[in-house]
Amino acid sequence: MGQYSIKELEKLSGIKAHTIRIWEKRHHIVEPQRTGTNIRLYSDDDLKRIINVALLNNHGIRISQIARMTREQISNKIKELSDQKSANEIFIDQLVVAMVDMDEEKFNEIATALVKRYGFERTIIETIYPFLEKIGVLWQAGTVNPAQEHFISNLIRQQLITAGASLPVPPKSARKAILFLPEGEFHEFGLLFFNYIARSKGIYTYYLGQSVPFADLKAVYEIHKPQFIITSFVSTPSATEVKSYVEKMSREFADATIIASGNNLRNTAFIVPRNFKVIYKSTELAGVLESA
């Protein structure tokens, strides 16, 4: 499906272009196609092989030894390494391979292994977030096919929704929270994870999701009178609108604790209202919920 230049291969694999050329010439690790002007072009299979070879090489196996290994031997060795305690970078690279292949079975296999080893929260924070950051940078650079990015993002979204739904529903007498994204905001991963954390702490949640008009948010608030409102400002409101939006929320929802995160919030100077809490890491949410 894909065709990659050596620079794109470098970004995806983390291996310098010069090193890739040496591996080609001395060890025949990959054999790229050439354009009419002699420019190297690499396939999806080449990319996966380079990622896997790099993983083994980074764990102390000589490149000459790797070059003699079959595909099955390489796969078995990676599995062996992934069973070790400090294997997070291996899982991230294998998620890249699953994305390139658009392989749902492989993604689910990796996700299951991660959750079994670390638990759901650590899996998201220590593996999925760094992976999303990596593919976000690659997508912006044009290295990742948008279809591949959408495919893997939707699989992660499904995992977040399933994990939240698998938790027991707290009783209606429990403390309540509304979770929403402002109108025009569609970056939902963080909010889905916040919903999981809130539910795991026994909070009854009303998950409104993406792009919620303020009038709709206010209507839900008036009906259910939650103790918490949880949101995230990634791309909207804009930096020039954040201050007025925060003040409006604080005024309209005066009896609630408003918990918010996101780059647009962190990068804007404003006086934080008394009922407004800014969190910089998702791990801070549990503490705020417990102390409020």
Foldseek 3Di string as FASTA:
>chain_A
DDKDFLVLLCLLQVDDSVVVVVCCPPLVLDDFDADPVGTGIDDLVSSLSSNLLVVVVVVPDDSNVVSPDDPVRSVVVLVVLCPDDPCQVSLLSQLSNCLSVLPLVSVVVSQVVQCVRPNDVCCCQVHVVVSLVSVVVSVVVVSDDVVSVVSSVVSLVVVLQVLLVVFDAADLPAAEEEEEEAAPDQPFNLSSNLSNLCVVLRYHYDYPHYRDYPVRVLVVCVVSVGQEYEYEPAPPPALVCPQVVQVVCCVSNVNHQYEYEYDSVVPHDDDHDPSYHYDHDSVCSNVVVVVD
